[in-house]
Amino acid sequence: MKPRSIPAGEFKQGCLAILDEVAKTHRPVVVTKRGKPVARVVPIVADAAREEEILASLRGHGRMLVTEREFLRPTHTLGGWDLAES
């Protein structure tokens, strides 16, 4: 979605309404001075949603370099772990 661009003076006059619009529509707003971008107002994404977005982009792109058994094997004997190969 392409961000809407507004002059700084317009942003100053309608700041609270613009913030409400960004929160509601999730559409960013670019604030300009003399036609040049100086700031971007973007919606906040909840941490859980952002985490899911990152994980979704990574799914299917990784691979194990060791066996699952080796990966899950404890690295020490603390807590009574038996490291003997079975």
N, C-alpha and C. Protein backbone atom coordinates (compact mmCIF):
# COMPACT_ATOMS: atom_id res chain seq x y z
N MET A 1 0.84 -1.16 0.00
CA MET A 1 0.00 0.00 0.00
C MET A 1 0.90 1.24 0.00
N LYS A 2 0.69 2.12 -0.96
CA LYS A 2 1.51 3.32 -1.09
C LYS A 2 1.13 4.33 -0.01
N PRO A 3 2.14 4.91 0.68
CA PRO A 3 1.83 5.88 1.72
C PRO A 3 1.29 7.18 1.14
N ARG A 4 0.45 7.82 1.91
CA ARG A 4 -0.08 9.13 1.54
C ARG A 4 0.97 10.16 1.94
N SER A 5 1.14 11.20 1.13
CA SER A 5 2.11 12.25 1.40
C SER A 5 1.39 13.55 1.72
N ILE A 6 1.82 14.21 2.82
CA ILE A 6 1.20 15.49 3.19
C ILE A 6 2.28 16.48 3.62
N PRO A 7 2.04 17.77 3.38
CA PRO A 7 2.99 18.80 3.83
C PRO A 7 3.01 18.90 5.36
N ALA A 8 4.14 19.34 5.91
CA ALA A 8 4.31 19.44 7.36
C ALA A 8 3.26 20.34 7.99
N GLY A 9 2.90 21.45 7.33
CA GLY A 9 1.89 22.36 7.88
C GLY A 9 0.55 21.68 8.04
N GLU A 10 0.19 20.87 7.05
CA GLU A 10 -1.08 20.13 7.13
C GLU A 10 -1.02 19.08 8.24
N PHE A 11 0.16 18.45 8.38
CA PHE A 11 0.32 17.47 9.46
C PHE A 11 0.19 18.15 10.82
N LYS A 12 0.82 19.33 10.95
CA LYS A 12 0.77 20.06 12.21
C LYS A 12 -0.67 20.41 12.60
N GLN A 13 -1.47 20.83 11.64
CA GLN A 13 -2.85 21.21 11.92
C GLN A 13 -3.74 20.02 12.25
N GLY A 14 -3.49 18.89 11.60
CA GLY A 14 -4.39 17.75 11.78
C GLY A 14 -3.72 16.53 12.37
N CYS A 15 -2.68 16.76 13.18
CA CYS A 15 -1.86 15.66 13.71
C CYS A 15 -2.68 14.54 14.35
N LEU A 16 -3.56 14.86 15.28
CA LEU A 16 -4.31 13.83 15.99
C LEU A 16 -5.23 13.04 15.05
N ALA A 17 -5.86 13.74 14.12
CA ALA A 17 -6.74 13.06 13.16
C ALA A 17 -5.92 12.16 12.24
N ILE A 18 -4.73 12.61 11.85
CA ILE A 18 -3.86 11.81 10.98
C ILE A 18 -3.38 10.57 11.72
N LEU A 19 -3.02 10.72 12.99
CA LEU A 19 -2.61 9.55 13.78
C LEU A 19 -3.75 8.55 13.89
N ASP A 20 -4.97 9.03 14.11
CA ASP A 20 -6.13 8.13 14.17
C ASP A 20 -6.33 7.41 12.84
N GLU A 21 -6.16 8.15 11.74
CA GLU A 21 -6.31 7.55 10.40
C GLU A 21 -5.28 6.45 10.16
N VAL A 22 -4.03 6.70 10.54
CA VAL A 22 -2.97 5.70 10.37
C VAL A 22 -3.29 4.46 11.20
N ALA A 23 -3.74 4.65 12.42
CA ALA A 23 -4.08 3.53 13.30
C ALA A 23 -5.24 2.71 12.72
N LYS A 24 -6.21 3.41 12.14
CA LYS A 24 -7.41 2.73 11.63
C LYS A 24 -7.15 2.02 10.30
N THR A 25 -6.46 2.71 9.38
CA THR A 25 -6.29 2.17 8.02
C THR A 25 -5.00 1.38 7.83
N HIS A 26 -4.06 1.53 8.76
CA HIS A 26 -2.73 0.91 8.66
C HIS A 26 -1.97 1.39 7.42
N ARG A 27 -2.35 2.55 6.90
CA ARG A 27 -1.68 3.13 5.74
C ARG A 27 -0.71 4.21 6.23
N PRO A 28 0.58 4.08 5.92
CA PRO A 28 1.56 5.07 6.38
C PRO A 28 1.31 6.45 5.75
N VAL A 29 1.80 7.47 6.43
CA VAL A 29 1.74 8.84 5.93
C VAL A 29 3.15 9.41 5.93
N VAL A 30 3.56 9.98 4.80
CA VAL A 30 4.86 10.62 4.70
C VAL A 30 4.66 12.12 4.84
N VAL A 31 5.41 12.73 5.75
CA VAL A 31 5.33 14.16 5.99
C VAL A 31 6.46 14.83 5.21
N THR A 32 6.13 15.89 4.46
CA THR A 32 7.13 16.56 3.63
C THR A 32 7.32 18.01 4.05
N LYS A 33 8.51 18.52 3.78
CA LYS A 33 8.81 19.95 3.93
C LYS A 33 9.40 20.40 2.60
N ARG A 34 8.76 21.40 1.99
CA ARG A 34 9.17 21.90 0.68
C ARG A 34 9.26 20.77 -0.35
N GLY A 35 8.34 19.83 -0.24
CA GLY A 35 8.25 18.73 -1.19
C GLY A 35 9.18 17.56 -0.94
N LYS A 36 10.04 17.64 0.07
CA LYS A 36 10.98 16.55 0.37
C LYS A 36 10.53 15.81 1.62
N PRO A 37 10.54 14.48 1.57
CA PRO A 37 10.11 13.69 2.74
C PRO A 37 11.03 13.93 3.93
N VAL A 38 10.43 14.14 5.10
CA VAL A 38 11.22 14.33 6.32
C VAL A 38 10.83 13.36 7.44
N ALA A 39 9.64 12.77 7.34
CA ALA A 39 9.20 11.83 8.38
C ALA A 39 8.16 10.89 7.81
N ARG A 40 8.04 9.74 8.46
CA ARG A 40 7.02 8.76 8.07
C ARG A 40 6.28 8.34 9.33
N VAL A 41 4.96 8.40 9.27
CA VAL A 41 4.11 7.95 10.38
C VAL A 41 3.58 6.58 9.97
N VAL A 42 3.91 5.57 10.76
CA VAL A 42 3.51 4.19 10.43
C VAL A 42 2.74 3.59 11.59
N PRO A 43 1.85 2.64 11.31
CA PRO A 43 1.11 2.00 12.40
C PRO A 43 2.01 1.07 13.21
N ILE A 44 1.69 0.94 14.48
CA ILE A 44 2.40 0.00 15.35
C ILE A 44 1.84 -1.39 15.11
N VAL A 45 2.73 -2.36 14.94
CA VAL A 45 2.32 -3.75 14.77
C VAL A 45 2.58 -4.47 16.08
N ALA A 46 1.60 -5.18 16.58
CA ALA A 46 1.75 -5.92 17.84
C ALA A 46 2.93 -6.87 17.75
N ASP A 47 3.64 -7.05 18.87
CA ASP A 47 4.81 -7.92 18.89
C ASP A 47 4.50 -9.32 18.38
N ALA A 48 3.38 -9.88 18.80
CA ALA A 48 3.02 -11.24 18.39
C ALA A 48 2.79 -11.30 16.88
N ALA A 49 2.13 -10.29 16.34
CA ALA A 49 1.88 -10.27 14.89
C ALA A 49 3.18 -10.10 14.13
N ARG A 50 4.07 -9.25 14.62
CA ARG A 50 5.37 -9.04 13.97
C ARG A 50 6.21 -10.31 14.02
N GLU A 51 6.18 -11.00 15.16
CA GLU A 51 6.93 -12.25 15.30
C GLU A 51 6.40 -13.29 14.30
N GLU A 52 5.09 -13.41 14.18
CA GLU A 52 4.50 -14.36 13.24
C GLU A 52 4.86 -14.00 11.81
N GLU A 53 4.88 -12.72 11.50
CA GLU A 53 5.26 -12.27 10.15
C GLU A 53 6.70 -12.66 9.83
N ILE A 54 7.60 -12.49 10.78
CA ILE A 54 9.00 -12.86 10.58
C ILE A 54 9.14 -14.37 10.41
N LEU A 55 8.49 -15.13 11.30
CA LEU A 55 8.57 -16.59 11.21
C LEU A 55 7.99 -17.10 9.89
N ALA A 56 6.89 -16.51 9.45
CA ALA A 56 6.27 -16.93 8.18
C ALA A 56 7.21 -16.69 7.02
N SER A 57 7.96 -15.60 7.05
CA SER A 57 8.88 -15.32 5.96
C SER A 57 10.07 -16.27 5.96
N LEU A 58 10.38 -16.87 7.11
CA LEU A 58 11.52 -17.78 7.21
C LEU A 58 11.16 -19.24 6.94
N ARG A 59 9.88 -19.59 7.06
CA ARG A 59 9.46 -20.99 6.89
C ARG A 59 9.89 -21.53 5.53
N GLY A 60 10.47 -22.73 5.56
CA GLY A 60 10.86 -23.39 4.34
C GLY A 60 12.23 -22.96 3.80
N HIS A 61 12.92 -22.07 4.52
CA HIS A 61 14.20 -21.58 4.02
C HIS A 61 15.39 -22.11 4.81
N GLY A 62 15.14 -22.89 5.84
CA GLY A 62 16.23 -23.42 6.66
C GLY A 62 16.38 -24.91 6.46
N ARG A 63 17.52 -25.42 6.90
CA ARG A 63 17.72 -26.87 6.85
C ARG A 63 18.64 -27.27 8.00
N MET A 64 18.45 -28.48 8.47
CA MET A 64 19.25 -29.01 9.57
C MET A 64 20.59 -29.48 9.03
N LEU A 65 21.66 -29.13 9.71
CA LEU A 65 22.99 -29.56 9.31
C LEU A 65 23.45 -30.79 10.09
N VAL A 66 22.66 -31.17 11.11
CA VAL A 66 22.92 -32.37 11.89
C VAL A 66 21.62 -33.15 11.99
N THR A 67 21.71 -34.37 12.45
CA THR A 67 20.49 -35.17 12.62
C THR A 67 19.66 -34.59 13.76
N GLU A 68 18.38 -34.91 13.77
CA GLU A 68 17.50 -34.43 14.84
C GLU A 68 17.98 -34.96 16.19
N ARG A 69 18.43 -36.20 16.22
CA ARG A 69 18.93 -36.80 17.47
C ARG A 69 20.14 -36.01 17.98
N GLU A 70 21.07 -35.67 17.11
CA GLU A 70 22.25 -34.92 17.52
C GLU A 70 21.87 -33.50 17.98
N PHE A 71 20.92 -32.91 17.30
CA PHE A 71 20.47 -31.57 17.64
C PHE A 71 19.85 -31.53 19.04
N LEU A 72 19.08 -32.57 19.38
CA LEU A 72 18.38 -32.61 20.66
C LEU A 72 19.21 -33.19 21.79
N ARG A 73 20.39 -33.72 21.48
CA ARG A 73 21.24 -34.33 22.50
C ARG A 73 21.77 -33.27 23.45
N PRO A 74 21.65 -33.52 24.78
CA PRO A 74 22.20 -32.57 25.75
C PRO A 74 23.71 -32.43 25.59
N THR A 75 24.23 -31.27 25.95
CA THR A 75 25.66 -31.03 25.79
C THR A 75 26.45 -31.27 27.07
N HIS A 76 25.76 -31.64 28.15
CA HIS A 76 26.45 -31.89 29.42
C HIS A 76 25.68 -32.95 30.20
N THR A 77 26.27 -33.38 31.32
CA THR A 77 25.68 -34.44 32.12
C THR A 77 24.94 -33.91 33.34
N LEU A 78 24.80 -32.62 33.46
CA LEU A 78 24.08 -32.07 34.61
C LEU A 78 22.63 -32.54 34.59
N GLY A 79 22.06 -32.75 35.74
CA GLY A 79 20.66 -33.13 35.84
C GLY A 79 20.41 -34.60 35.52
N GLY A 80 21.45 -35.42 35.51
CA GLY A 80 21.26 -36.85 35.31
C GLY A 80 21.04 -37.28 33.87
N TRP A 81 21.41 -36.46 32.90
CA TRP A 81 21.24 -36.84 31.50
C TRP A 81 22.17 -37.98 31.16
N ASP A 82 21.66 -38.94 30.42
CA ASP A 82 22.47 -40.06 29.96
C ASP A 82 22.90 -39.77 28.52
N LEU A 83 24.17 -39.52 28.31
CA LEU A 83 24.68 -39.19 26.99
C LEU A 83 25.11 -40.39 26.18
N ALA A 84 24.95 -41.57 26.76
CA ALA A 84 25.36 -42.79 26.04
C ALA A 84 24.50 -42.96 24.80
N GLU A 85 25.16 -43.28 23.69
CA GLU A 85 24.45 -43.55 22.43
C GLU A 85 23.66 -44.85 22.59
N SER A 86 22.40 -44.85 22.14
CA SER A 86 21.63 -46.08 22.21
C SER A 86 21.26 -46.54 20.84
